Amino acid sequence: MTALTPRLFRALDRFHAARPWDHNAHYHRWIMRQLPQRLGSTLDVGSGSGDLARLLATRADSVRGLDADPGIVARARELTPPDTPVTFAVADALTEARPDSYDAITCVAAIHHLPLREALVHFRRQLAPGGTLVVVGLARAHSRGDHLIGVAALVGNVVMAWLKNRGRKVARPAAMTAPTRPATLTFHDIVDEARRTLPGARLRRRLFWRYTLVWHNPEDGR
């Protein structure tokens, strides 16, 4: 059994290298369902190659995408038609000083690159009264529940890779070329901090090594 496990993981690695699929993009439609049908200004933090920003632009008057990696921002600009109401900037989401407030802020697979408390406070301040924050994040597996979900995700990952690619070998999507890093906080840590900083925030564990957070800023902004 101990000899089988490394071979199994090597086989899975080869399978997914030939049939990659974007775990983050899997949640984009879910993100859109958390947002109003019409939006004014929207901020996408960790915008990567711009897939979600362009999707948000189908509802928003303007979308601003931020990413710290110049290469992926350049790629996002290349992929975005000139008449799309989206701008991309290379910036640190926590230090860029802008007077704007946003009707919606999205952050997918990026908040674990930032200090959590500072990020949540910063997003809260930037969100307009009545606005919505949606986060899809990564947490470090720690509890028995985390590991059970991880096992289920391994099986689901193979099925999804086969279905999304129709069994064919494909090139790696542009969105999957951005730098990554492992999560350090557990889901329990994240829930505790989010509930202190964003009262009423809804958090859930998800498949494919993700969790979600949704928070609606009160209309009075308090």
C-alpha atoms as a PDB file:
ATOM      1  CA  MET A   1       0.000   0.000   0.000  1.00  0.00           C
ATOM      2  CA  THR A   2       2.811   2.423   0.884  1.00  0.00           C
ATOM      3  CA  ALA A   3       4.446   1.730  -2.511  1.00  0.00           C
ATOM      4  CA  LEU A   4       1.110   2.092  -4.317  1.00  0.00           C
ATOM      5  CA  THR A   5       0.325   5.579  -2.974  1.00  0.00           C
ATOM      6  CA  PRO A   6       3.289   7.446  -4.570  1.00  0.00           C
ATOM      7  CA  ARG A   7       2.605   5.676  -7.886  1.00  0.00           C
ATOM      8  CA  LEU A   8      -1.048   6.667  -7.676  1.00  0.00           C
ATOM      9  CA  PHE A   9      -0.210  10.321  -7.079  1.00  0.00           C
ATOM     10  CA  ARG A  10       2.315  10.325  -9.933  1.00  0.00           C
ATOM     11  CA  ALA A  11      -0.348   8.890 -12.226  1.00  0.00           C
ATOM     12  CA  LEU A  12      -2.823  11.542 -11.106  1.00  0.00           C
ATOM     13  CA  ASP A  13      -0.239  14.268 -11.721  1.00  0.00           C
ATOM     14  CA  ARG A  14       0.327  12.991 -15.266  1.00  0.00           C
ATOM     15  CA  PHE A  15      -3.413  12.774 -15.891  1.00  0.00           C
ATOM     16  CA  HIS A  16      -4.057  16.349 -14.731  1.00  0.00           C
ATOM     17  CA  ALA A  17      -1.016  17.743 -16.533  1.00  0.00           C
ATOM     18  CA  ALA A  18      -2.533  16.445 -19.768  1.00  0.00           C
ATOM     19  CA  ARG A  19      -6.117  17.474 -18.922  1.00  0.00           C
ATOM     20  CA  PRO A  20      -5.904  20.638 -16.795  1.00  0.00           C
ATOM     21  CA  TRP A  21      -8.960  22.582 -15.745  1.00  0.00           C
ATOM     22  CA  ASP A  22      -9.315  25.800 -13.780  1.00  0.00           C
ATOM     23  CA  HIS A  23     -10.669  25.156 -10.276  1.00  0.00           C
ATOM     24  CA  ASN A  24     -11.180  28.882  -9.726  1.00  0.00           C
ATOM     25  CA  ALA A  25     -13.171  29.423 -12.924  1.00  0.00           C
ATOM     26  CA  HIS A  26     -15.417  26.574 -11.763  1.00  0.00           C
ATOM     27  CA  TYR A  27     -16.816  29.004  -9.168  1.00  0.00           C
ATOM     28  CA  HIS A  28     -17.266  32.038 -11.438  1.00  0.00           C
ATOM     29  CA  ARG A  29     -20.923  31.345 -12.232  1.00  0.00           C
ATOM     30  CA  TRP A  30     -21.587  30.762  -8.547  1.00  0.00           C
ATOM     31  CA  ILE A  31     -19.991  34.153  -7.801  1.00  0.00           C
ATOM     32  CA  MET A  32     -22.281  35.837 -10.313  1.00  0.00           C
ATOM     33  CA  ARG A  33     -25.322  34.358  -8.570  1.00  0.00           C
ATOM     34  CA  GLN A  34     -24.297  36.107  -5.336  1.00  0.00           C
ATOM     35  CA  LEU A  35     -24.315  39.543  -7.008  1.00  0.00           C
ATOM     36  CA  PRO A  36     -27.110  41.867  -8.152  1.00  0.00           C
ATOM     37  CA  GLN A  37     -28.169  41.801 -11.787  1.00  0.00           C
ATOM     38  CA  ARG A  38     -26.791  45.314 -12.311  1.00  0.00           C
ATOM     39  CA  LEU A  39     -23.668  46.787 -10.771  1.00  0.00           C
ATOM     40  CA  GLY A  40     -21.965  50.134 -10.936  1.00  0.00           C
ATOM     41  CA  SER A  41     -18.261  49.818 -10.173  1.00  0.00           C
ATOM     42  CA  THR A  42     -16.650  46.476  -9.302  1.00  0.00           C
ATOM     43  CA  LEU A  43     -13.209  45.500  -8.037  1.00  0.00           C
ATOM     44  CA  ASP A  44     -11.661  42.091  -8.763  1.00  0.00           C
ATOM     45  CA  VAL A  45      -8.652  41.408  -6.538  1.00  0.00           C
ATOM     46  CA  GLY A  46      -6.161  38.882  -7.871  1.00  0.00           C
ATOM     47  CA  SER A  47      -7.685  39.188 -11.335  1.00  0.00           C
ATOM     48  CA  GLY A  48      -5.161  36.914 -13.053  1.00  0.00           C
ATOM     49  CA  SER A  49      -5.815  36.569 -16.775  1.00  0.00           C
ATOM     50  CA  GLY A  50      -9.083  38.478 -16.412  1.00  0.00           C
ATOM     51  CA  ASP A  51     -11.699  35.769 -16.939  1.00  0.00           C
ATOM     52  CA  LEU A  52     -13.836  36.811 -13.968  1.00  0.00           C
ATOM     53  CA  ALA A  53     -13.340  40.542 -14.623  1.00  0.00           C
ATOM     54  CA  ARG A  54     -14.658  40.123 -18.157  1.00  0.00           C
ATOM     55  CA  LEU A  55     -17.628  38.137 -16.848  1.00  0.00           C
ATOM     56  CA  LEU A  56     -18.363  40.854 -14.269  1.00  0.00           C
ATOM     57  CA  ALA A  57     -18.288  43.418 -17.093  1.00  0.00           C
ATOM     58  CA  THR A  58     -21.442  41.856 -18.551  1.00  0.00           C
ATOM     59  CA  ARG A  59     -23.304  43.369 -15.562  1.00  0.00           C
ATOM     60  CA  ALA A  60     -21.124  46.216 -14.308  1.00  0.00           C
ATOM     61  CA  ASP A  61     -20.604  49.745 -15.592  1.00  0.00           C
ATOM     62  CA  SER A  62     -16.895  49.385 -14.835  1.00  0.00           C
ATOM     63  CA  VAL A  63     -14.557  46.701 -13.520  1.00  0.00           C
ATOM     64  CA  ARG A  64     -11.080  47.227 -12.118  1.00  0.00           C
ATOM     65  CA  GLY A  65      -8.810  44.200 -11.943  1.00  0.00           C
ATOM     66  CA  LEU A  66      -5.768  44.169  -9.665  1.00  0.00           C
ATOM     67  CA  ASP A  67      -2.942  41.665  -9.645  1.00  0.00           C
ATOM     68  CA  ALA A  68       0.600  41.809  -8.286  1.00  0.00           C
ATOM     69  CA  ASP A  69       2.088  39.843 -11.197  1.00  0.00           C
ATOM     70  CA  PRO A  70       2.994  42.031 -14.237  1.00  0.00           C
ATOM     71  CA  GLY A  71       3.092  39.070 -16.623  1.00  0.00           C
ATOM     72  CA  ILE A  72      -0.446  37.890 -15.920  1.00  0.00           C
ATOM     73  CA  VAL A  73      -1.757  41.485 -16.033  1.00  0.00           C
ATOM     74  CA  ALA A  74      -0.206  41.905 -19.486  1.00  0.00           C
ATOM     75  CA  ARG A  75      -1.917  38.691 -20.567  1.00  0.00           C
ATOM     76  CA  ALA A  76      -5.262  39.899 -19.172  1.00  0.00           C
ATOM     77  CA  ARG A  77      -4.983  43.085 -21.222  1.00  0.00           C
ATOM     78  CA  GLU A  78      -4.215  41.077 -24.369  1.00  0.00           C
ATOM     79  CA  LEU A  79      -7.284  38.876 -23.850  1.00  0.00           C
ATOM     80  CA  THR A  80      -9.714  41.753 -23.163  1.00  0.00           C
ATOM     81  CA  PRO A  81     -11.478  43.425 -26.127  1.00  0.00           C
ATOM     82  CA  PRO A  82     -10.911  47.204 -26.192  1.00  0.00           C
ATOM     83  CA  ASP A  83     -14.613  48.039 -25.885  1.00  0.00           C
ATOM     84  CA  THR A  84     -14.959  46.058 -22.612  1.00  0.00           C
ATOM     85  CA  PRO A  85     -15.396  48.301 -19.518  1.00  0.00           C
ATOM     86  CA  VAL A  86     -12.465  46.655 -17.711  1.00  0.00           C
ATOM     87  CA  THR A  87      -9.107  48.085 -16.658  1.00  0.00           C
ATOM     88  CA  PHE A  88      -6.225  46.092 -15.222  1.00  0.00           C
ATOM     89  CA  ALA A  89      -3.447  47.343 -12.960  1.00  0.00           C
ATOM     90  CA  VAL A  90      -0.340  45.869 -11.416  1.00  0.00           C
ATOM     91  CA  ALA A  91      -0.823  46.747  -7.760  1.00  0.00           C
ATOM     92  CA  ASP A  92      -0.851  45.564  -4.178  1.00  0.00           C
ATOM     93  CA  ALA A  93      -4.532  45.415  -3.269  1.00  0.00           C
ATOM     94  CA  LEU A  94      -3.872  46.672   0.273  1.00  0.00           C
ATOM     95  CA  THR A  95      -1.656  49.659  -0.523  1.00  0.00           C
ATOM     96  CA  GLU A  96      -3.249  51.101  -3.653  1.00  0.00           C
ATOM     97  CA  ALA A  97      -4.864  54.334  -2.435  1.00  0.00           C
ATOM     98  CA  ARG A  98      -8.031  55.178  -4.376  1.00  0.00           C
ATOM     99  CA  PRO A  99     -11.023  57.201  -3.199  1.00  0.00           C
ATOM    100  CA  ASP A 100     -13.480  54.929  -5.019  1.00  0.00           C
ATOM    101  CA  SER A 101     -15.989  52.697  -3.322  1.00  0.00           C
ATOM    102  CA  TYR A 102     -17.260  49.613  -5.097  1.00  0.00           C
ATOM    103  CA  ASP A 103     -20.684  48.004  -5.423  1.00  0.00           C
ATOM    104  CA  ALA A 104     -19.006  44.606  -5.443  1.00  0.00           C
ATOM    105  CA  ILE A 105     -15.569  43.246  -4.607  1.00  0.00           C
ATOM    106  CA  THR A 106     -14.501  39.768  -5.682  1.00  0.00           C
ATOM    107  CA  CYS A 107     -11.353  37.919  -4.667  1.00  0.00           C
ATOM    108  CA  VAL A 108     -10.628  34.439  -6.002  1.00  0.00           C
ATOM    109  CA  ALA A 109      -7.673  32.333  -4.806  1.00  0.00           C
ATOM    110  CA  ALA A 110      -5.785  35.467  -3.789  1.00  0.00           C
ATOM    111  CA  ILE A 111      -6.661  36.373  -0.199  1.00  0.00           C
ATOM    112  CA  HIS A 112      -4.254  33.739   1.185  1.00  0.00           C
ATOM    113  CA  HIS A 113      -1.461  35.804  -0.420  1.00  0.00           C
ATOM    114  CA  LEU A 114      -2.428  38.679   1.919  1.00  0.00           C
ATOM    115  CA  PRO A 115      -2.628  39.144   5.707  1.00  0.00           C
ATOM    116  CA  LEU A 116      -6.226  38.067   6.294  1.00  0.00           C
ATOM    117  CA  ARG A 117      -7.377  40.614   8.852  1.00  0.00           C
ATOM    118  CA  GLU A 118      -5.875  43.572   6.980  1.00  0.00           C
ATOM    119  CA  ALA A 119      -7.405  42.353   3.727  1.00  0.00           C
ATOM    120  CA  LEU A 120     -10.903  41.962   5.169  1.00  0.00           C
ATOM    121  CA  VAL A 121     -10.755  45.381   6.852  1.00  0.00           C
ATOM    122  CA  HIS A 122      -9.514  46.978   3.626  1.00  0.00           C
ATOM    123  CA  PHE A 123     -12.259  45.361   1.542  1.00  0.00           C
ATOM    124  CA  ARG A 124     -14.891  46.428   4.075  1.00  0.00           C
ATOM    125  CA  ARG A 125     -13.722  50.044   3.830  1.00  0.00           C
ATOM    126  CA  GLN A 126     -13.735  49.968   0.023  1.00  0.00           C
ATOM    127  CA  LEU A 127     -17.209  48.452  -0.265  1.00  0.00           C
ATOM    128  CA  ALA A 128     -20.085  50.868  -0.811  1.00  0.00           C
ATOM    129  CA  PRO A 129     -23.098  50.723   1.534  1.00  0.00           C
ATOM    130  CA  GLY A 130     -25.269  47.851   0.327  1.00  0.00           C
ATOM    131  CA  GLY A 131     -22.351  46.345  -1.590  1.00  0.00           C
ATOM    132  CA  THR A 132     -21.318  42.694  -1.700  1.00  0.00           C
ATOM    133  CA  LEU A 133     -17.973  41.022  -1.030  1.00  0.00           C
ATOM    134  CA  VAL A 134     -17.455  37.532  -2.480  1.00  0.00           C
ATOM    135  CA  VAL A 135     -14.304  35.540  -1.723  1.00  0.00           C
ATOM    136  CA  VAL A 136     -13.306  32.117  -3.015  1.00  0.00           C
ATOM    137  CA  GLY A 137     -10.278  31.136  -0.989  1.00  0.00           C
ATOM    138  CA  LEU A 138      -7.906  28.349  -0.041  1.00  0.00           C
ATOM    139  CA  ALA A 139      -7.420  27.003   3.482  1.00  0.00           C
ATOM    140  CA  ARG A 140      -4.860  24.633   4.956  1.00  0.00           C
ATOM    141  CA  ALA A 141      -6.292  21.178   5.594  1.00  0.00           C
ATOM    142  CA  HIS A 142      -6.259  20.473   9.325  1.00  0.00           C
ATOM    143  CA  SER A 143      -9.372  18.760  10.633  1.00  0.00           C
ATOM    144  CA  ARG A 144     -10.711  15.294   9.856  1.00  0.00           C
ATOM    145  CA  GLY A 145     -13.518  16.981   7.905  1.00  0.00           C
ATOM    146  CA  ASP A 146     -10.975  18.861   5.799  1.00  0.00           C
ATOM    147  CA  HIS A 147      -9.200  15.631   4.901  1.00  0.00           C
ATOM    148  CA  LEU A 148     -12.448  13.805   4.085  1.00  0.00           C
ATOM    149  CA  ILE A 149     -13.461  16.632   1.735  1.00  0.00           C
ATOM    150  CA  GLY A 150      -9.979  16.438   0.221  1.00  0.00           C
ATOM    151  CA  VAL A 151     -10.425  12.733  -0.544  1.00  0.00           C
ATOM    152  CA  ALA A 152     -13.790  13.432  -2.168  1.00  0.00           C
ATOM    153  CA  ALA A 153     -12.175  16.240  -4.158  1.00  0.00           C
ATOM    154  CA  LEU A 154      -9.515  13.866  -5.527  1.00  0.00           C
ATOM    155  CA  VAL A 155     -12.201  11.677  -7.060  1.00  0.00           C
ATOM    156  CA  GLY A 156     -14.273  14.635  -8.252  1.00  0.00           C
ATOM    157  CA  ASN A 157     -11.168  16.244  -9.707  1.00  0.00           C
ATOM    158  CA  VAL A 158     -10.588  13.319 -12.068  1.00  0.00           C
ATOM    159  CA  VAL A 159     -14.235  13.271 -13.154  1.00  0.00           C
ATOM    160  CA  MET A 160     -14.327  17.012 -13.779  1.00  0.00           C
ATOM    161  CA  ALA A 161     -11.028  16.966 -15.689  1.00  0.00           C
ATOM    162  CA  TRP A 162     -12.371  14.252 -17.975  1.00  0.00           C
ATOM    163  CA  LEU A 163     -15.767  15.921 -18.522  1.00  0.00           C
ATOM    164  CA  LYS A 164     -14.495  19.470 -19.017  1.00  0.00           C
ATOM    165  CA  ASN A 165     -11.868  18.322 -21.516  1.00  0.00           C
ATOM    166  CA  ARG A 166     -14.062  15.606 -23.063  1.00  0.00           C
ATOM    167  CA  GLY A 167     -11.270  13.156 -22.407  1.00  0.00           C
ATOM    168  CA  ARG A 168      -8.821  15.036 -24.638  1.00  0.00           C
ATOM    169  CA  LYS A 169      -5.362  16.309 -23.818  1.00  0.00           C
ATOM    170  CA  VAL A 170      -5.372  20.132 -23.808  1.00  0.00           C
ATOM    171  CA  ALA A 171      -3.052  23.066 -23.231  1.00  0.00           C
ATOM    172  CA  ARG A 172      -2.852  24.696 -19.820  1.00  0.00           C
ATOM    173  CA  PRO A 173      -5.302  27.664 -19.589  1.00  0.00           C
ATOM    174  CA  ALA A 174      -3.783  31.160 -19.296  1.00  0.00           C
ATOM    175  CA  ALA A 175      -5.468  31.591 -15.905  1.00  0.00           C
ATOM    176  CA  MET A 176      -3.384  28.706 -14.531  1.00  0.00           C
ATOM    177  CA  THR A 177      -0.016  30.322 -15.315  1.00  0.00           C
ATOM    178  CA  ALA A 178      -0.056  32.881 -12.481  1.00  0.00           C
ATOM    179  CA  PRO A 179       2.239  32.341  -9.453  1.00  0.00           C
ATOM    180  CA  THR A 180       0.706  30.339  -6.612  1.00  0.00           C
ATOM    181  CA  ARG A 181       1.476  29.672  -2.973  1.00  0.00           C
ATOM    182  CA  PRO A 182       0.025  27.283  -0.376  1.00  0.00           C
ATOM    183  CA  ALA A 183      -2.511  28.433   2.198  1.00  0.00           C
ATOM    184  CA  THR A 184      -1.295  28.711   5.789  1.00  0.00           C
ATOM    185  CA  LEU A 185      -4.523  29.383   7.731  1.00  0.00           C
ATOM    186  CA  THR A 186      -7.074  26.693   8.521  1.00  0.00           C
ATOM    187  CA  PHE A 187     -10.751  27.103   7.709  1.00  0.00           C
ATOM    188  CA  HIS A 188     -11.441  27.470  11.442  1.00  0.00           C
ATOM    189  CA  ASP A 189      -8.930  30.351  11.647  1.00  0.00           C
ATOM    190  CA  ILE A 190     -10.544  32.050   8.659  1.00  0.00           C
ATOM    191  CA  VAL A 191     -14.068  31.697  10.038  1.00  0.00           C
ATOM    192  CA  ASP A 192     -13.047  33.191  13.390  1.00  0.00           C
ATOM    193  CA  GLU A 193     -11.366  36.210  11.785  1.00  0.00           C
ATOM    194  CA  ALA A 194     -14.114  36.798   9.225  1.00  0.00           C
ATOM    195  CA  ARG A 195     -16.858  36.775  11.844  1.00  0.00           C
ATOM    196  CA  ARG A 196     -14.952  39.269  13.982  1.00  0.00           C
ATOM    197  CA  THR A 197     -14.247  41.601  11.065  1.00  0.00           C
ATOM    198  CA  LEU A 198     -17.387  41.115   8.942  1.00  0.00           C
ATOM    199  CA  PRO A 199     -20.365  40.398  11.206  1.00  0.00           C
ATOM    200  CA  GLY A 200     -22.912  38.256   9.400  1.00  0.00           C
ATOM    201  CA  ALA A 201     -20.439  36.872   6.843  1.00  0.00           C
ATOM    202  CA  ARG A 202     -21.417  33.465   5.415  1.00  0.00           C
ATOM    203  CA  LEU A 203     -18.608  30.937   5.017  1.00  0.00           C
ATOM    204  CA  ARG A 204     -18.713  27.402   3.643  1.00  0.00           C
ATOM    205  CA  ARG A 205     -16.214  24.686   2.846  1.00  0.00           C
ATOM    206  CA  ARG A 206     -16.334  23.709  -0.821  1.00  0.00           C
ATOM    207  CA  LEU A 207     -15.013  20.948  -3.008  1.00  0.00           C
ATOM    208  CA  PHE A 208     -11.740  21.258  -4.904  1.00  0.00           C
ATOM    209  CA  TRP A 209      -9.811  22.694  -1.953  1.00  0.00           C
ATOM    210  CA  ARG A 210     -11.782  25.936  -1.742  1.00  0.00           C
ATOM    211  CA  TYR A 211     -14.020  27.789   0.694  1.00  0.00           C
ATOM    212  CA  THR A 212     -16.413  30.661   0.034  1.00  0.00           C
ATOM    213  CA  LEU A 213     -17.206  33.840   1.942  1.00  0.00           C
ATOM    214  CA  VAL A 214     -20.085  36.206   1.166  1.00  0.00           C
ATOM    215  CA  TRP A 215     -20.703  39.443   3.041  1.00  0.00           C
ATOM    216  CA  HIS A 216     -23.231  42.191   2.393  1.00  0.00           C
ATOM    217  CA  ASN A 217     -22.318  45.646   3.667  1.00  0.00           C
ATOM    218  CA  PRO A 218     -25.312  47.155   5.501  1.00  0.00           C
ATOM    219  CA  GLU A 219     -27.116  49.948   3.635  1.00  0.00           C
ATOM    220  CA  ASP A 220     -26.052  52.417   6.337  1.00  0.00           C
ATOM    221  CA  GLY A 221     -22.424  51.295   5.917  1.00  0.00           C
ATOM    222  CA  ARG A 222     -22.037  50.401   9.615  1.00  0.00           C
END
